[in-house]
Amino acid sequence: MSLDPSYDHTVTRRSDGTRHTLRPVRPWPENKPFRILSIDGGGILGLLPSLVLAEIEDRFLDGQPIGQYFDLITGTSTGGIIALALGQEKRARDISKLYLERGEFIFPSGNCLIRAFRKWRQLAIYAYNRDALENELRREFGLQRFGTSKIPLCIPAFEGRYGEPYIFKTPHHPDYKLDQHETIVDVALSTAAAPTYYSGLKRNGYAFVDGGIWANNPVMIGLVDALACFDIQRRQVHILSLGCGQETFRLGAVQRIGGVLFWAKTFKRAAMKAQSHNALGQAGLLVGRDHLLRIDAPESNKPIEMDDVRRAISELPNIARALADASGHRVLEMLQIGSSQ
C-alpha cells in the first residue's frame, strides 16, 4: 500500500505505549462520592449546557465556579471547550459569553446568498475558516497548558493519521504523561474540528477531527477513566450528563428501503443518537440510573443547527432556565451542597 505523502511517516501512533495490564489505582476515600460532569458536543448549541451550569451557579453557589464541585470532567467538541474552561476555574456564566457575545464571529451568518453558497460549498469542503474559532480560544486561554487544569479532564478527539480514537487526559494518573504539555487551544481545536464545518487539524504529523464522530456523548469516557484510575466502587460514582438538544429521529419508509441516496444524511443522525443512548444506557447499568442525571432539551422536529447563532441565542436561554427549574434540586442533591452527608 502506498504511503500518503501529506503525512510525516516518521511519527508514531499517539496510542503507542498504552498499558496492557490493569492500571494501579490511586487512593480515594471509601465513603466519599466521586462526581463526574459529562458535556455533549454540538457547536453553538454548547450555549445550552453552559447556561444550565450558569443557572446552578447563580441560584445555589453564590456565583462560584461550578467546576470545583466535580472530581472529573469530560466533554466533546463544544463540550470539550466548556470542560477546558471549567478546568481553569472559569465560571459557567463567563463561559456562556463565548457563545452569546462571540458566536457570530465564530459562525458568521451572512446574507441569504452567503448562506446558500456555504451550503453548496459544504458538499465539497469545510464551511468555515477555523481562524475565527482559534482567535476566540486564544483570547480565552492564551498559551496555557492542558496540564494546568485544576480538575481532571478527559477530552476525546479522533486522530486521522492512524485512524484511531484519541482521548486527551490531564496528568491525574502517573500513566498520563503525554498530553499535559499540549496547549489548551490545541486540545480545544482538536476535539472541535467538526467534519464539514472545519478542516481536519494537522499538527506534529497528526490529523485530528472532532471527537463527536465516535463519542459525541462522552459519559462512558469519564466513567471508565474514573473506575480505571481511582480506588472507587461503582456506587460511589455520581454523574451529571448535559446535552445540547435532541433531534427527533424516526426511521421512515424511505430509510427502510435502504440505499446511499436515502441514508446519506440519515446515517449521521442515527449514529449520533444511537451512540448517546447507548453510552447513557451503559453508564446507567454500571452506576445505577439513580446515580446518573441527564439534562437535555426536549426532542424537536425542527432542531437548531449547530451553526445557527441567532436561533441559539434567541431560544436556548429560556430552555436553560426551564431545565434548571426542573432539575436544579437534583443537581444539588448530587453535589451534596448544604447536605450533612
Protein backbone atom coordinates (compact mmCIF):
# COMPACT_ATOMS: atom_id res chain seq x y z
CA MET A 1 0.00 0.00 0.00
CA SER A 2 1.44 3.40 -0.97
CA LEU A 3 2.01 5.99 1.76
CA ASP A 4 0.16 9.30 1.77
CA PRO A 5 2.89 11.92 1.13
CA SER A 6 0.89 14.58 3.01
CA TYR A 7 1.79 12.90 6.33
CA ASP A 8 5.06 12.69 8.19
CA HIS A 9 5.53 8.93 8.29
CA THR A 10 8.23 9.07 10.95
CA VAL A 11 5.73 9.87 13.75
CA THR A 12 4.48 7.06 15.96
CA ARG A 13 0.92 6.35 16.95
CA ARG A 14 -0.45 8.54 19.71
CA SER A 15 -1.60 5.33 21.38
CA ASP A 16 1.86 3.70 21.41
CA GLY A 17 2.86 2.82 24.95
CA THR A 18 -0.70 2.22 26.14
CA ARG A 19 -0.72 -0.02 29.21
CA HIS A 20 -1.88 -3.59 28.52
CA THR A 21 -2.38 -4.53 32.17
CA LEU A 22 -4.73 -3.16 34.80
CA ARG A 23 -3.76 0.34 35.85
CA PRO A 24 -2.69 0.72 39.51
CA VAL A 25 -5.49 2.76 41.08
CA ARG A 26 -4.95 5.92 43.07
CA PRO A 27 -6.43 6.06 46.59
CA TRP A 28 -9.87 7.57 47.18
CA PRO A 29 -11.75 7.89 50.48
CA GLU A 30 -14.09 4.93 50.96
CA ASN A 31 -17.18 6.97 51.80
CA LYS A 32 -16.55 9.94 49.53
CA PRO A 33 -18.68 10.23 46.36
CA PHE A 34 -16.88 10.62 43.04
CA ARG A 35 -18.70 13.18 40.87
CA ILE A 36 -18.36 13.29 37.08
CA LEU A 37 -19.59 16.01 34.72
CA SER A 38 -20.09 15.00 31.07
CA ILE A 39 -20.91 17.52 28.32
CA ASP A 40 -22.02 16.63 24.78
CA GLY A 41 -20.83 18.19 21.55
CA GLY A 42 -23.00 20.46 19.41
CA GLY A 43 -21.33 23.62 18.08
CA ILE A 44 -23.12 26.83 19.06
CA LEU A 45 -25.59 24.65 20.98
CA GLY A 46 -22.95 24.45 23.70
CA LEU A 47 -24.71 27.58 24.88
CA LEU A 48 -27.35 25.31 26.45
CA PRO A 49 -25.15 23.32 28.88
CA SER A 50 -23.09 26.42 29.70
CA LEU A 51 -26.27 28.29 30.65
CA VAL A 52 -27.66 25.36 32.64
CA LEU A 53 -24.44 25.32 34.67
CA ALA A 54 -24.59 29.12 34.97
CA GLU A 55 -28.13 28.92 36.37
CA ILE A 56 -26.95 26.45 39.01
CA GLU A 57 -24.05 28.74 39.91
CA ASP A 58 -26.25 31.81 40.21
CA ARG A 59 -29.07 30.16 42.14
CA PHE A 60 -27.24 27.86 44.52
CA LEU A 61 -23.49 28.53 44.56
CA ASP A 62 -23.37 32.31 45.06
CA GLY A 63 -21.77 32.57 41.62
CA GLN A 64 -18.84 30.31 42.47
CA PRO A 65 -17.34 28.28 39.58
CA ILE A 66 -19.26 25.02 39.44
CA GLY A 67 -16.33 23.01 38.08
CA GLN A 68 -14.75 22.77 41.53
CA TYR A 69 -17.62 20.56 42.69
CA PHE A 70 -16.66 17.77 40.28
CA ASP A 71 -13.85 15.24 40.54
CA LEU A 72 -13.55 14.66 36.78
CA ILE A 73 -14.99 16.42 33.74
CA THR A 74 -15.28 15.06 30.22
CA GLY A 75 -16.52 16.95 27.18
CA THR A 76 -16.60 16.52 23.42
CA SER A 77 -16.22 19.27 20.82
CA THR A 78 -18.04 22.34 22.17
CA GLY A 79 -18.49 20.37 25.39
CA GLY A 80 -14.73 19.90 25.43
CA ILE A 81 -14.22 23.65 25.21
CA ILE A 82 -16.56 24.14 28.17
CA ALA A 83 -14.73 21.40 30.10
CA LEU A 84 -11.37 23.04 29.41
CA ALA A 85 -12.67 26.37 30.67
CA LEU A 86 -14.14 24.80 33.81
CA GLY A 87 -10.77 23.17 34.42
CA GLN A 88 -9.27 26.67 34.55
CA GLU A 89 -11.82 27.59 37.24
CA LYS A 90 -13.81 29.83 34.93
CA ARG A 91 -17.43 30.49 35.87
CA ALA A 92 -20.04 28.95 33.61
CA ARG A 93 -21.69 32.35 33.32
CA ASP A 94 -18.47 33.73 31.84
CA ILE A 95 -18.07 30.70 29.57
CA SER A 96 -21.55 31.30 28.15
CA LYS A 97 -20.38 34.71 26.90
CA LEU A 98 -18.18 32.94 24.35
CA TYR A 99 -21.42 31.81 22.68
CA LEU A 100 -23.60 34.85 23.41
CA GLU A 101 -21.07 37.55 22.53
CA ARG A 102 -18.60 35.84 20.19
CA GLY A 103 -20.73 33.20 18.47
CA GLU A 104 -21.40 35.41 15.47
CA PHE A 105 -17.65 35.78 14.89
CA ILE A 106 -17.12 32.00 15.06
CA PHE A 107 -20.12 31.14 12.85
CA PRO A 108 -20.83 34.30 10.79
CA SER A 109 -24.32 34.06 9.35
CA GLY A 110 -24.07 36.39 6.36
CA ASN A 111 -26.90 37.20 3.97
CA CYS A 112 -29.07 34.72 2.06
CA LEU A 113 -26.60 34.41 -0.81
CA ILE A 114 -23.68 33.74 1.52
CA ARG A 115 -25.64 31.11 3.44
CA ALA A 116 -26.69 29.40 0.21
CA PHE A 117 -23.13 29.42 -1.08
CA ARG A 118 -21.91 27.96 2.21
CA LYS A 119 -24.37 25.06 1.93
CA TRP A 120 -23.14 24.23 -1.56
CA ARG A 121 -19.51 24.65 -0.56
CA GLN A 122 -20.06 22.32 2.39
CA LEU A 123 -20.80 19.48 -0.01
CA ALA A 124 -17.16 19.51 -1.13
CA ILE A 125 -15.08 21.21 1.60
CA TYR A 126 -15.44 22.74 5.05
CA ALA A 127 -17.94 25.54 5.65
CA TYR A 128 -15.98 27.82 8.00
CA ASN A 129 -12.48 29.16 8.42
CA ARG A 130 -11.03 27.84 11.70
CA ASP A 131 -9.06 31.07 12.31
CA ALA A 132 -12.07 32.76 13.90
CA LEU A 133 -12.54 29.95 16.42
CA GLU A 134 -8.82 29.81 17.13
CA ASN A 135 -8.68 33.56 17.75
CA GLU A 136 -11.51 33.35 20.27
CA LEU A 137 -9.88 30.40 22.04
CA ARG A 138 -6.61 32.28 22.29
CA ARG A 139 -8.49 35.20 23.84
CA GLU A 140 -9.81 32.78 26.47
CA PHE A 141 -6.79 30.59 27.17
CA GLY A 142 -3.67 32.26 25.76
CA LEU A 143 -0.71 29.87 25.90
CA GLN A 144 -1.85 27.94 28.97
CA ARG A 145 -1.00 24.23 29.01
CA PHE A 146 -3.55 21.45 29.28
CA GLY A 147 -1.76 20.07 32.32
CA THR A 148 -2.52 23.23 34.34
CA SER A 149 -6.16 22.21 34.74
CA LYS A 150 -7.31 22.27 38.36
CA ILE A 151 -9.73 19.41 37.64
CA PRO A 152 -9.01 16.05 35.94
CA LEU A 153 -10.18 16.20 32.32
CA CYS A 154 -10.80 13.68 29.52
CA ILE A 155 -11.30 15.26 26.07
CA PRO A 156 -12.00 12.93 23.11
CA ALA A 157 -10.85 13.52 19.54
CA PHE A 158 -10.18 11.32 16.52
CA GLU A 159 -6.65 11.00 15.12
CA GLY A 160 -6.77 10.50 11.37
CA ARG A 161 -3.11 9.75 10.62
CA TYR A 162 -3.58 6.24 12.02
CA GLY A 163 -7.38 6.24 12.11
CA GLU A 164 -7.99 5.74 15.83
CA PRO A 165 -9.91 7.38 18.67
CA TYR A 166 -7.82 9.50 20.99
CA ILE A 167 -8.53 10.96 24.43
CA PHE A 168 -6.53 13.90 25.77
CA LYS A 169 -6.04 13.35 29.50
CA THR A 170 -4.67 15.61 32.20
CA PRO A 171 -1.96 14.08 34.44
CA HIS A 172 -4.40 12.86 37.10
CA HIS A 173 -2.72 9.45 36.93
CA PRO A 174 1.04 8.73 36.72
CA ASP A 175 0.46 6.90 33.42
CA TYR A 176 -0.78 10.10 31.79
CA LYS A 177 2.37 11.95 30.77
CA LEU A 178 2.00 12.90 27.10
CA ASP A 179 -0.90 15.34 26.87
CA GLN A 180 -0.12 17.70 29.75
CA HIS A 181 2.34 19.64 27.57
CA GLU A 182 -0.24 20.42 24.87
CA THR A 183 -1.70 23.92 24.86
CA ILE A 184 -5.33 24.20 25.85
CA VAL A 185 -6.04 25.83 22.49
CA ASP A 186 -4.61 22.87 20.54
CA VAL A 187 -6.67 20.39 22.58
CA ALA A 188 -9.78 22.50 22.05
CA LEU A 189 -9.22 22.77 18.29
CA SER A 190 -8.58 19.02 18.08
CA THR A 191 -11.80 17.98 19.77
CA ALA A 192 -13.86 20.63 17.92
CA ALA A 193 -12.72 20.03 14.32
CA ALA A 194 -16.22 19.03 13.21
CA PRO A 195 -16.15 17.45 9.71
CA THR A 196 -17.91 19.56 7.05
CA TYR A 197 -17.73 22.61 9.35
CA TYR A 198 -13.93 22.75 9.71
CA SER A 199 -11.00 21.08 8.02
CA GLY A 200 -9.08 18.45 9.94
CA LEU A 201 -6.42 19.89 12.23
CA LYS A 202 -2.94 18.89 11.06
CA ARG A 203 -0.10 19.34 13.52
CA ASN A 204 3.05 17.50 14.57
CA GLY A 205 2.48 14.80 11.97
CA TYR A 206 -1.08 14.01 13.11
CA ALA A 207 -4.52 14.95 11.81
CA PHE A 208 -7.31 15.49 14.33
CA VAL A 209 -11.04 15.68 13.73
CA ASP A 210 -13.96 16.13 16.08
CA GLY A 211 -14.36 13.62 18.90
CA GLY A 212 -18.07 13.68 18.12
CA ILE A 213 -17.61 11.17 15.30
CA TRP A 214 -17.28 8.44 17.92
CA ALA A 215 -18.15 9.94 21.32
CA ASN A 216 -20.42 12.94 20.97
CA ASN A 217 -21.85 11.95 24.35
CA PRO A 218 -18.67 11.19 26.33
CA VAL A 219 -20.29 9.93 29.54
CA MET A 220 -18.67 6.48 29.31
CA ILE A 221 -15.25 8.03 28.71
CA GLY A 222 -15.45 9.78 32.05
CA LEU A 223 -16.85 6.78 33.88
CA VAL A 224 -14.33 4.27 32.52
CA ASP A 225 -11.43 6.60 33.29
CA ALA A 226 -12.63 7.16 36.85
CA LEU A 227 -13.03 3.44 37.54
CA ALA A 228 -9.64 2.68 35.94
CA CYS A 229 -7.69 5.41 37.76
CA PHE A 230 -9.18 5.62 41.24
CA ASP A 231 -9.94 3.15 44.01
CA ILE A 232 -13.70 3.65 43.91
CA GLN A 233 -16.73 1.43 43.78
CA ARG A 234 -19.34 1.90 41.06
CA ARG A 235 -21.97 3.13 43.52
CA GLN A 236 -19.63 5.88 44.71
CA VAL A 237 -19.91 7.48 41.28
CA HIS A 238 -22.49 10.19 40.56
CA ILE A 239 -22.76 11.57 37.02
CA LEU A 240 -24.28 14.76 35.63
CA SER A 241 -24.64 14.44 31.84
CA LEU A 242 -25.54 17.58 29.86
CA GLY A 243 -26.86 17.52 26.30
CA CYS A 244 -27.06 20.21 23.61
CA GLY A 245 -30.59 19.44 22.39
CA GLN A 246 -32.15 16.44 20.71
CA GLU A 247 -33.46 15.97 17.20
CA THR A 248 -36.48 13.73 16.83
CA PHE A 249 -35.45 10.68 14.82
CA ARG A 250 -37.74 8.03 13.44
CA LEU A 251 -36.90 5.56 10.70
CA GLY A 252 -39.16 6.46 7.78
CA ALA A 253 -40.36 4.39 4.86
CA VAL A 254 -37.59 5.58 2.51
CA GLN A 255 -34.89 4.72 5.04
CA ARG A 256 -36.36 1.24 5.43
CA ILE A 257 -35.80 0.76 1.69
CA GLY A 258 -32.08 1.44 2.15
CA GLY A 259 -29.54 2.76 -0.34
CA VAL A 260 -26.97 5.55 -0.29
CA LEU A 261 -29.41 8.19 -1.56
CA PHE A 262 -31.81 7.75 1.36
CA TRP A 263 -29.18 7.16 4.05
CA ALA A 264 -26.51 9.75 3.18
CA LYS A 265 -27.84 12.35 5.65
CA THR A 266 -29.80 9.99 7.87
CA PHE A 267 -26.84 7.84 8.82
CA LYS A 268 -25.09 10.59 10.78
CA ARG A 269 -28.24 11.47 12.74
CA ALA A 270 -28.98 7.84 13.51
CA ALA A 271 -25.40 7.06 14.56
CA MET A 272 -25.09 10.05 16.90
CA LYS A 273 -28.45 9.41 18.55
CA ALA A 274 -27.69 5.71 18.98
CA GLN A 275 -24.23 6.43 20.41
CA SER A 276 -25.68 8.79 23.01
CA HIS A 277 -28.45 6.41 24.06
CA ASN A 278 -26.03 3.51 24.25
CA ALA A 279 -23.48 5.45 26.33
CA LEU A 280 -26.17 6.59 28.76
CA GLY A 281 -27.56 3.07 28.99
CA GLN A 282 -24.15 1.58 29.73
CA ALA A 283 -23.35 4.20 32.35
CA GLY A 284 -26.72 3.66 33.99
CA LEU A 285 -26.15 -0.09 34.16
CA LEU A 286 -22.76 0.42 35.83
CA VAL A 287 -23.62 3.04 38.45
CA GLY A 288 -27.42 2.78 38.62
CA ARG A 289 -29.83 5.18 36.96
CA ASP A 290 -30.39 6.89 40.31
CA HIS A 291 -26.74 7.98 40.19
CA LEU A 292 -26.98 9.34 36.62
CA LEU A 293 -28.74 12.63 35.94
CA ARG A 294 -29.25 13.56 32.29
CA ILE A 295 -30.31 17.12 31.50
CA ASP A 296 -31.16 17.95 27.90
CA ALA A 297 -33.66 19.93 25.86
CA PRO A 298 -36.81 18.09 24.70
CA GLU A 299 -36.74 16.42 21.31
CA SER A 300 -37.64 18.69 18.42
CA ASN A 301 -38.72 18.17 14.82
CA LYS A 302 -37.05 21.48 13.98
CA PRO A 303 -33.74 21.37 15.87
CA ILE A 304 -31.38 24.33 15.94
CA GLU A 305 -28.45 23.78 13.59
CA MET A 306 -25.06 23.73 15.29
CA ASP A 307 -24.04 26.94 13.48
CA ASP A 308 -27.35 28.83 13.81
CA VAL A 309 -26.20 31.51 16.25
CA ARG A 310 -29.33 33.65 16.05
CA ARG A 311 -31.77 30.86 16.89
CA ALA A 312 -29.49 29.56 19.62
CA ILE A 313 -29.25 32.94 21.34
CA SER A 314 -32.98 33.53 20.92
CA GLU A 315 -34.25 30.17 22.19
CA LEU A 316 -31.70 28.43 24.41
CA PRO A 317 -31.60 30.83 27.41
CA ASN A 318 -35.29 30.19 28.17
CA ILE A 319 -34.82 26.44 27.75
CA ALA A 320 -31.82 26.51 30.10
CA ARG A 321 -33.84 28.32 32.78
CA ALA A 322 -36.66 25.79 32.45
CA LEU A 323 -34.21 22.88 32.73
CA ALA A 324 -32.65 24.44 35.84
CA ASP A 325 -36.13 24.89 37.33
CA ALA A 326 -36.91 21.24 36.72
CA SER A 327 -33.61 19.62 37.69
CA GLY A 328 -31.69 22.10 39.82
CA HIS A 329 -32.68 20.42 43.10
CA ARG A 330 -31.40 17.08 41.80
CA VAL A 331 -28.06 18.66 40.88
CA LEU A 332 -27.82 19.99 44.44
CA GLU A 333 -28.51 16.53 45.83
CA MET A 334 -25.78 15.08 43.62
CA LEU A 335 -23.26 17.74 44.67
CA GLN A 336 -24.45 17.43 48.29
CA ILE A 337 -24.48 21.20 48.65
CA GLY A 338 -25.91 22.17 52.00
CA SER A 339 -26.11 18.50 52.96
CA SER A 340 -24.81 16.99 56.16
CA GLN A 341 -23.85 13.77 54.37
